PDB file of N, CA and C in Angstrom:
ATOM      1  N   MET A   1      57.012  30.444 -43.725  1.00  0.00           N
ATOM      2  CA  MET A   1      58.060  29.433 -44.728  1.00  0.00           C
ATOM      3  C   MET A   1      58.622  30.538 -45.592  1.00  0.00           C
ATOM      4  N   PHE A   2      57.767  31.576 -45.473  1.00  0.00           N
ATOM      5  CA  PHE A   2      59.056  32.364 -47.205  1.00  0.00           C
ATOM      6  C   PHE A   2      59.931  32.933 -46.573  1.00  0.00           C
ATOM      7  N   PHE A   3      59.474  33.323 -44.729  1.00  0.00           N
ATOM      8  CA  PHE A   3      60.321  34.420 -43.931  1.00  0.00           C
ATOM      9  C   PHE A   3      61.299  33.370 -43.900  1.00  0.00           C
ATOM     10  N   VAL A   4      61.287  32.555 -43.008  1.00  0.00           N
ATOM     11  CA  VAL A   4      62.543  31.320 -42.664  1.00  0.00           C
ATOM     12  C   VAL A   4      63.272  31.135 -43.283  1.00  0.00           C
ATOM     13  N   ARG A   5      62.915  30.864 -45.357  1.00  0.00           N
ATOM     14  CA  ARG A   5      63.972  30.794 -46.176  1.00  0.00           C
ATOM     15  C   ARG A   5      64.789  32.313 -46.621  1.00  0.00           C
ATOM     16  N   LYS A   6      64.232  33.034 -46.390  1.00  0.00           N
ATOM     17  CA  LYS A   6      64.340  34.013 -46.631  1.00  0.00           C
ATOM     18  C   LYS A   6      65.578  34.209 -45.578  1.00  0.00           C
ATOM     19  N   ARG A   7      65.692  33.898 -44.070  1.00  0.00           N
ATOM     20  CA  ARG A   7      66.538  34.560 -43.224  1.00  0.00           C
ATOM     21  C   ARG A   7      67.681  33.101 -42.955  1.00  0.00           C
ATOM     22  N   LEU A   8      67.365  32.000 -43.797  1.00  0.00           N
ATOM     23  CA  LEU A   8      68.573  31.011 -44.016  1.00  0.00           C
ATOM     24  C   LEU A   8      69.165  31.664 -45.296  1.00  0.00           C
ATOM     25  N   TYR A   9      68.801  32.192 -46.202  1.00  0.00           N
ATOM     26  CA  TYR A   9      70.166  32.844 -47.130  1.00  0.00           C
ATOM     27  C   TYR A   9      70.383  33.691 -46.699  1.00  0.00           C
ATOM     28  N   GLU A  10      69.729  34.568 -45.901  1.00  0.00           N
ATOM     29  CA  GLU A  10      70.662  35.935 -45.796  1.00  0.00           C
ATOM     30  C   GLU A  10      71.931  35.092 -44.473  1.00  0.00           C
ATOM     31  N   ALA A  11      71.948  33.977 -43.466  1.00  0.00           N
ATOM     32  CA  ALA A  11      72.964  33.697 -42.178  1.00  0.00           C
ATOM     33  C   ALA A  11      73.918  32.624 -43.960  1.00  0.00           C
ATOM     34  N   VAL A  12      73.282  32.371 -44.771  1.00  0.00           N
ATOM     35  CA  VAL A  12      74.150  31.846 -45.338  1.00  0.00           C
ATOM     36  C   VAL A  12      74.958  32.795 -45.922  1.00  0.00           C
ATOM     37  N   ALA A  13      74.705  33.636 -46.639  1.00  0.00           N
ATOM     38  CA  ALA A  13      75.488  34.759 -46.880  1.00  0.00           C
ATOM     39  C   ALA A  13      76.482  35.020 -46.350  1.00  0.00           C
ATOM     40  N   ALA A  14      75.655  35.814 -44.952  1.00  0.00           N
ATOM     41  CA  ALA A  14      76.976  36.006 -43.568  1.00  0.00           C
ATOM     42  C   ALA A  14      78.235  35.359 -43.607  1.00  0.00           C
ATOM     43  N   VAL A  15      77.463  33.707 -43.578  1.00  0.00           N
ATOM     44  CA  VAL A  15      79.159  32.648 -43.611  1.00  0.00           C
ATOM     45  C   VAL A  15      79.456  33.461 -44.475  1.00  0.00           C
ATOM     46  N   VAL A  16      79.457  33.282 -45.708  1.00  0.00           N
ATOM     47  CA  VAL A  16      80.185  33.004 -46.698  1.00  0.00           C
ATOM     48  C   VAL A  16      80.922  34.172 -47.074  1.00  0.00           C
ATOM     49  N   THR A  17      80.482  35.460 -46.651  1.00  0.00           N
ATOM     50  CA  THR A  17      81.072  36.617 -46.154  1.00  0.00           C
ATOM     51  C   THR A  17      82.162  36.511 -45.489  1.00  0.00           C
ATOM     52  N   PHE A  18      82.334  35.750 -44.866  1.00  0.00           N
ATOM     53  CA  PHE A  18      83.319  35.979 -43.510  1.00  0.00           C
ATOM     54  C   PHE A  18      84.340  34.674 -43.822  1.00  0.00           C
ATOM     55  N   SER A  19      83.496  33.770 -44.640  1.00  0.00           N
ATOM     56  CA  SER A  19      84.342  32.895 -44.444  1.00  0.00           C
ATOM     57  C   SER A  19      85.255  32.918 -45.636  1.00  0.00           C
ATOM     58  N   ILE A  20      84.543  34.003 -46.853  1.00  0.00           N
ATOM     59  CA  ILE A  20      86.346  34.837 -48.113  1.00  0.00           C
ATOM     60  C   ILE A  20      86.866  35.479 -47.130  1.00  0.00           C
ATOM     61  N   THR A  21      86.624  36.443 -46.574  1.00  0.00           N
ATOM     62  CA  THR A  21      87.106  37.799 -45.657  1.00  0.00           C
ATOM     63  C   THR A  21      87.915  37.045 -44.601  1.00  0.00           C
ATOM     64  N   ILE A  22      88.208  35.542 -44.202  1.00  0.00           N
ATOM     65  CA  ILE A  22      89.199  35.229 -42.984  1.00  0.00           C
ATOM     66  C   ILE A  22      89.539  34.494 -44.773  1.00  0.00           C
ATOM     67  N   GLY A  23      89.627  33.455 -45.839  1.00  0.00           N
ATOM     68  CA  GLY A  23      89.992  32.884 -46.493  1.00  0.00           C
ATOM     69  C   GLY A  23      91.394  34.062 -47.085  1.00  0.00           C
ATOM     70  N   VAL A  24      90.913  35.206 -47.428  1.00  0.00           N
ATOM     71  CA  VAL A  24      92.069  36.259 -47.735  1.00  0.00           C
ATOM     72  C   VAL A  24      92.625  36.452 -47.208  1.00  0.00           C
ATOM     73  N   PHE A  25      92.345  36.184 -46.109  1.00  0.00           N
ATOM     74  CA  PHE A  25      94.009  36.834 -44.736  1.00  0.00           C
ATOM     75  C   PHE A  25      94.034  35.856 -44.442  1.00  0.00           C
ATOM     76  N   LEU A  26      93.779  34.862 -44.341  1.00  0.00           N
ATOM     77  CA  LEU A  26      95.178  33.511 -44.138  1.00  0.00           C
ATOM     78  C   LEU A  26      95.923  33.583 -45.044  1.00  0.00           C
ATOM     79  N   LEU A  27      95.438  33.862 -46.430  1.00  0.00           N
ATOM     80  CA  LEU A  27      96.489  33.790 -48.204  1.00  0.00           C
ATOM     81  C   LEU A  27      97.595  34.225 -47.828  1.00  0.00           C
ATOM     82  N   LEU A  28      96.843  35.690 -47.491  1.00  0.00           N
ATOM     83  CA  LEU A  28      97.703  36.796 -47.542  1.00  0.00           C
ATOM     84  C   LEU A  28      99.252  36.894 -46.401  1.00  0.00           C
ATOM     85  N   SER A  29      98.089  36.398 -45.159  1.00  0.00           N
ATOM     86  CA  SER A  29      99.293  36.339 -44.579  1.00  0.00           C
ATOM     87  C   SER A  29     101.145  35.877 -43.958  1.00  0.00           C
ATOM     88  N   ARG A  30     100.736  34.990 -44.841  1.00  0.00           N
ATOM     89  CA  ARG A  30     102.480  34.165 -45.316  1.00  0.00           C
ATOM     90  C   ARG A  30     103.154  34.686 -46.218  1.00  0.00           C
ATOM     91  N   HIS A  31     102.659  35.667 -46.652  1.00  0.00           N
ATOM     92  CA  HIS A  31     103.267  36.226 -47.862  1.00  0.00           C
ATOM     93  C   HIS A  31     103.601  37.351 -47.699  1.00  0.00           C
ATOM     94  N   VAL A  32     102.203  37.946 -46.597  1.00  0.00           N
ATOM     95  CA  VAL A  32     102.458  39.849 -46.596  1.00  0.00           C
ATOM     96  C   VAL A  32     102.771  40.371 -44.457  1.00  0.00           C
ATOM     97  N   PRO A  33     103.258  41.166 -44.523  1.00  0.00           N
ATOM     98  CA  PRO A  33     102.633  41.596 -43.026  1.00  0.00           C
ATOM     99  C   PRO A  33     101.587  41.636 -42.537  1.00  0.00           C
ATOM    100  N   VAL A  34     101.175  40.923 -41.467  1.00  0.00           N
ATOM    101  CA  VAL A  34      99.594  41.243 -40.995  1.00  0.00           C
ATOM    102  C   VAL A  34      98.651  42.532 -40.886  1.00  0.00           C
ATOM    103  N   TRP A  35      99.387  43.734 -41.079  1.00  0.00           N
ATOM    104  CA  TRP A  35      98.488  44.408 -40.722  1.00  0.00           C
ATOM    105  C   TRP A  35      98.191  44.401 -42.583  1.00  0.00           C
ATOM    106  N   THR A  36      98.402  44.258 -43.440  1.00  0.00           N
ATOM    107  CA  THR A  36      98.677  45.132 -44.919  1.00  0.00           C
ATOM    108  C   THR A  36      97.701  43.621 -45.390  1.00  0.00           C
ATOM    109  N   ALA A  37      97.348  42.305 -44.406  1.00  0.00           N
ATOM    110  CA  ALA A  37      96.179  41.181 -45.014  1.00  0.00           C
ATOM    111  C   ALA A  37      95.200  41.809 -44.536  1.00  0.00           C
ATOM    112  N   ALA A  38      95.387  42.273 -43.469  1.00  0.00           N
ATOM    113  CA  ALA A  38      93.893  42.813 -42.325  1.00  0.00           C
ATOM    114  C   ALA A  38      93.529  43.654 -43.054  1.00  0.00           C
ATOM    115  N   VAL A  39      94.079  44.599 -43.747  1.00  0.00           N
ATOM    116  CA  VAL A  39      93.625  45.576 -44.636  1.00  0.00           C
ATOM    117  C   VAL A  39      93.320  45.233 -45.610  1.00  0.00           C
ATOM    118  N   THR A  40      94.286  44.633 -46.519  1.00  0.00           N
ATOM    119  CA  THR A  40      93.158  43.825 -47.304  1.00  0.00           C
ATOM    120  C   THR A  40      92.328  43.529 -47.316  1.00  0.00           C
ATOM    121  N   ALA A  41      92.178  42.938 -46.511  1.00  0.00           N
ATOM    122  CA  ALA A  41      90.801  41.365 -46.162  1.00  0.00           C
ATOM    123  C   ALA A  41      88.966  42.423 -45.367  1.00  0.00           C
ATOM    124  N   LEU A  42      89.735  43.714 -44.917  1.00  0.00           N
ATOM    125  CA  LEU A  42      88.671  44.373 -44.539  1.00  0.00           C
ATOM    126  C   LEU A  42      88.210  44.786 -46.033  1.00  0.00           C
ATOM    127  N   LEU A  43      89.046  45.438 -46.791  1.00  0.00           N
ATOM    128  CA  LEU A  43      88.917  45.503 -48.069  1.00  0.00           C
ATOM    129  C   LEU A  43      87.804  45.115 -49.300  1.00  0.00           C
ATOM    130  N   VAL A  44      88.293  43.679 -48.625  1.00  0.00           N
ATOM    131  CA  VAL A  44      87.477  42.849 -49.853  1.00  0.00           C
ATOM    132  C   VAL A  44      86.313  42.403 -48.617  1.00  0.00           C
ATOM    133  N   PHE A  45      86.082  42.471 -47.777  1.00  0.00           N
ATOM    134  CA  PHE A  45      84.353  42.702 -46.288  1.00  0.00           C
ATOM    135  C   PHE A  45      83.832  43.591 -47.070  1.00  0.00           C
ATOM    136  N   GLY A  46      84.571  44.821 -47.623  1.00  0.00           N
ATOM    137  CA  GLY A  46      83.764  45.683 -47.885  1.00  0.00           C
ATOM    138  C   GLY A  46      83.388  46.079 -49.047  1.00  0.00           C
ATOM    139  N   ALA A  47      83.902  45.455 -50.141  1.00  0.00           N
ATOM    140  CA  ALA A  47      83.994  44.755 -51.538  1.00  0.00           C
ATOM    141  C   ALA A  47      82.458  43.900 -51.622  1.00  0.00           C
ATOM    142  N   SER A  48      82.702  43.291 -50.607  1.00  0.00           N
ATOM    143  CA  SER A  48      81.449  41.973 -50.515  1.00  0.00           C
ATOM    144  C   SER A  48      80.574  42.149 -50.406  1.00  0.00           C
ATOM    145  N   LEU A  49      80.066  43.179 -49.127  1.00  0.00           N
ATOM    146  CA  LEU A  49      78.797  44.094 -48.244  1.00  0.00           C
ATOM    147  C   LEU A  49      78.032  44.914 -49.175  1.00  0.00           C
ATOM    148  N   TRP A  50      78.912  45.636 -49.778  1.00  0.00           N
ATOM    149  CA  TRP A  50      79.133  46.323 -51.497  1.00  0.00           C
ATOM    150  C   TRP A  50      77.774  45.523 -52.359  1.00  0.00           C
ATOM    151  N   SER A  51      79.125  45.041 -52.807  1.00  0.00           N
ATOM    152  CA  SER A  51      79.143  44.117 -54.067  1.00  0.00           C
ATOM    153  C   SER A  51      76.675  43.895 -53.055  1.00  0.00           C
ATOM    154  N   GLY A  52      76.465  43.050 -52.114  1.00  0.00           N
ATOM    155  CA  GLY A  52      75.102  42.836 -51.914  1.00  0.00           C
ATOM    156  C   GLY A  52      75.081  41.289 -51.809  1.00  0.00           C
ATOM    157  N   LEU A  53      76.484  40.526 -51.634  1.00  0.00           N
ATOM    158  CA  LEU A  53      76.758  38.837 -50.936  1.00  0.00           C
ATOM    159  C   LEU A  53      76.252  39.576 -49.823  1.00  0.00           C
TER     160      LEU A  53
END
């Protein structure tokens, strides 16, 4: 039971991390060039992974 719950939490964390990254990209892509939005989204993704989210 513990391993199932741990895998579920890891899956939820992965979905949240990717959702934040995609949200940042979509928000910024309307106001700045696409490459700038992509680089910023990658930085946010790296920071999310580094923080353990």
